[in-house]
Structures are given as structure tokens and as C-alpha cells.
Amino acid sequence: MIPIIALLVIDGAIVYSIAIDIANDAYDDSLTETAESLVSRLHAEQEQAVIDLPKAARAILKYHREDQFFFQVFDGNRQFLYGDRDLPALPKSLSGDEPVIYTGKVGSQAVRCVVLTPSVNGNKFIVQVGETLRARQEMTIRIMLSVVCPQILLVLLAAAAVWYGIKKGLQPLSVLQEAVGQRTPTDLSPIGNINAPSEVVPLLSSINHLLERMRKDRESQKRFVANAAHQLRTPLAGLNTQAQLLLQQPISDELQESIKQICLSAEKSTRLVRQLLALARVEPTTLDLSRLTGAQLDKLTREAIDAVLPIALEKSLDLGLECHLSADAAIMGEIEGLHQLVTNLIENAVIYAGPGGKVTIRIENDQTHVAFIVEDDGPGIPPEERERVFERFYRVLGTGVRGSGLGLAIVREIADLHGASIEISSGLNGRGTTMQVNFPALPQVQVIPEASQVAGKIRTS
């Protein structure tokens, strides 16, 4: 529409120029006829020009139509003889018998003038008549409107037709956009027939081919993860078992210390492999978001506590669980991913808490969020490093704790996929660390009175 409107503006300027010429041609002929009528009433008496023009006729000429009329009579030497003195000065060159037409000014008004050079009784005279341009301008505007208005209407109708045609023609693209926009990262099935226009069919076919290639790549990655889990876990577990059996044999102290280091390395490698595989599973392209269901965090937390309980008992930790949840508090999530998140946070707190330390796990909710909170009294995380701990393989120096630096990276990935936020603050009694994950609550969650919110408190010492 922009080029069409630009052409309409140019066309309007051209029409206006042509309309001015048409109006000038018509009114110039009329003004020339008026001047010739005055010349016909002109005669000479004793070398003086006399116009036989009654007073009433002069008044009609003076104010005729919408415009004001002026006239002058000069002798051959350009000496003023009769008429109005307001008209512009005569042109410097005057042709013989042809009228001279030009535009001048009377005061602030533009006037159109015609100059004739008749001879009366052998005496040469100069007659100049002029009139203002209001009638010409009105005629110009009428001509322009008569041409441009239909064109404007035509452009508006064309704009409406183009808008409707584009909207109707691209409607299938809106359906395609909605179909693609509503897909989860794991939904790689082909896009079905959406009655797309023929121009879009090749694009739709290319998108489906891309989705098919991505689906095959994802399946290949899944097979690799499954095979790697089996191929790596089994030999590491065998190595650890053989080292433990070797420790039970009567061997020298130096050899026993070396075997203990082998056991520690095997355990560290096993944990690293387990976390790498867990991280691979929670990648946006591998986590199956189609399996999202209502999940009870308290149940997943108790399962995670059972998994880390041997480590807690070995370190004589005070491990506690406090649930402050309404009866139907739940979140929408993928069970396996949430289990990884809960387990990593609790395991991280248990590992970093010192011997005889304290770890408290709290779950609470309001009308919009369900919060999972893990507090410990370990060495803590400096404020300037609290964001970096979520980077892969990054570890806070000086803690004296072995780790791979992947636990919190896994937590961040899972939290982001579930639309949850993570906050880090100081832990128990100003020491240690508090990790809080805020999940969006399901709409049906209703908070019940404070007195009945405590679903249970469990502490293991």
C-alpha cells in the first residue's frame, strides 16, 4: 500500500497542475473577451481615449462573479489615461496584435492580467484588464476532486481487498504458527495437514523432514545414554567391589592405603558418571515433558532422604524433614527430573555439612507456589559465587569436599524446565547455605488454616 499511496500523491500533484492549466485556459479566454469588449467601446476624441461604458456596466465589471475586476487605458507612450491605478505595471515588451497574458499582484491579491494594443482612428492605445483568481482556484479544486476522489475510493477498496486477501491467504500460516508454538521440545512428531496454501507446502515438508531428523538424533542419543550407563556403571562397580574384597586380605599397610585410594577414585568416578548421565537425561531435548503429572514433593523428598540416609548416619548428622503443606498441594512436573533435583539438593547439603552438623529440609506452600528448601550448617557459599555454582564443573574452593561440580547444574536445568526459580542465602544460624526452589503450584491448591498445615516433622539423629 505504501507505493500505491505514494503514486496517488504524485498523481494528485499532476492532476492539480493540469487543473490549473485548464482553469487558466478557460478564464483567460473569458478575460480576453472582456478586454476585447472594452476595446470595442473605445473611441478617440481629440486624441483622447473615451470608453463608451455606462456607470452600471462599469460596476458590473468591477465586481463580477466571485472575483474583482480591474482595467486601465494608456496611450501609445504608456501614459495613464483612464481606469484603475492598482494594476501591476505594464510588461516591458508588448507584441503587436497578440494579447499578452501574465500573473501579477494587486496589493496582497494575485491577479491575472490581459494586455491589448488596439489602434483607434489611427491612434495607438494600450488596454490592460485583470481579475482575481478565486473562480479559477475553485474550478481547479473541483477538477482535482472530481479526479482524485474516485482514485482515493479505489485505493481504499483495493486496500480492503488486499487486507482481506492476505488475512485469508495467510490464515493457514497462523494455524502452523500455533501448531509449532504449542509444541514441547520433546514433541518431534510431523506437523499434520493444515490446509496450507500451495506456496507453503514445501516449507511444511522441510519442517517435517527436519523434525524427523531431530527425532532420529534424539533416539540415537537416548540409546547412547542407555548404553553408556550400562557400559560405565558395570566396570566401575566391579572395580570398587574387587578393591573392597582386596582390602579384606592380609596385605601391607602401604598397599592397603593404595587400594583405599582406588576405592575412593572408583566411588568418585561412579558418582561423576551417574551425574553426567542424569544431566544428559534432563537436557531440554531429552527430558520427556509429555510425562508431566501432578507430583507430591513430600513423597519424592522421603525417597531422596532414604537414599542419603547412610551418609547422614555415617557423619552423625541431624537430618530433619518439615512439611508445611496443604492436603492437596502439588506441582506439575516430570517425576524423574524432580527426583533428580530433590536428591541432588539433599545429597549436596549432606556432603557439605560437617560431622555432627545439621541439615533441615522444609516443604511449604501458598496459593501460588510450592517451596522446597534445604538448609545446612556447612562452609556456605560466598555471595559473589552464588550464581557461578550453577555452572557445570564449577566448585567453590577451600571446602575440602570432593565433588564433580555437576549437582547444582543439574538442579538449575530441571528447575528451568519446570518454570521454577532458585534462591541461595545463608544457612542455619547465619552459617552454611539455604537453597530454596519455588515451583508454580497447581491451580487447585487451597491453603488450609495454619494449625493444620503441619503434615509432619521427621528428624534423624
Foldseek 3Di string as FASTA:
>chain_A
DVVLVVVLVVVLVVLLVVLLVVLCVVVVVVVVVVQVVQVVQWADDPNAIDGPADPVRVVCQQCDDPKGKWKWKAWPVRHTHDTDPQDDRDDPDDDAADWDWDWDDRVPFIKIKIWGWDAHPNTTMIMMMIMTCPVSVVSSVVSSCVPSVVVVVVVVVVVVVVVVVVCVLCVLVVVVVVVVVPDALQPLAQDDDSVHPPVCVVVSVVSNVVSVVLNVVQVVVVVVLVVCLVVVLVVLVVLLVVLVVVLPDDDDPVVNVVSVVSNVVSVQSNVVSVLVSLLSCLASHRPPLVQWDWDDLVVLLVVLCVVCVVLCVVLVEWEKEWEQFDPPWTFTARVVLSSLLSNLVVNVQSQQAHRHWYKYWYWHDDQWKIKTKIFTQGQADPPVCVVVLLDFQDDDPPSPTDHRSRSSVSNVSRLVVQVKDWDWDAGDPRGYIMIMIIGTIDNVGDRDDRVPRTPDMDIDD
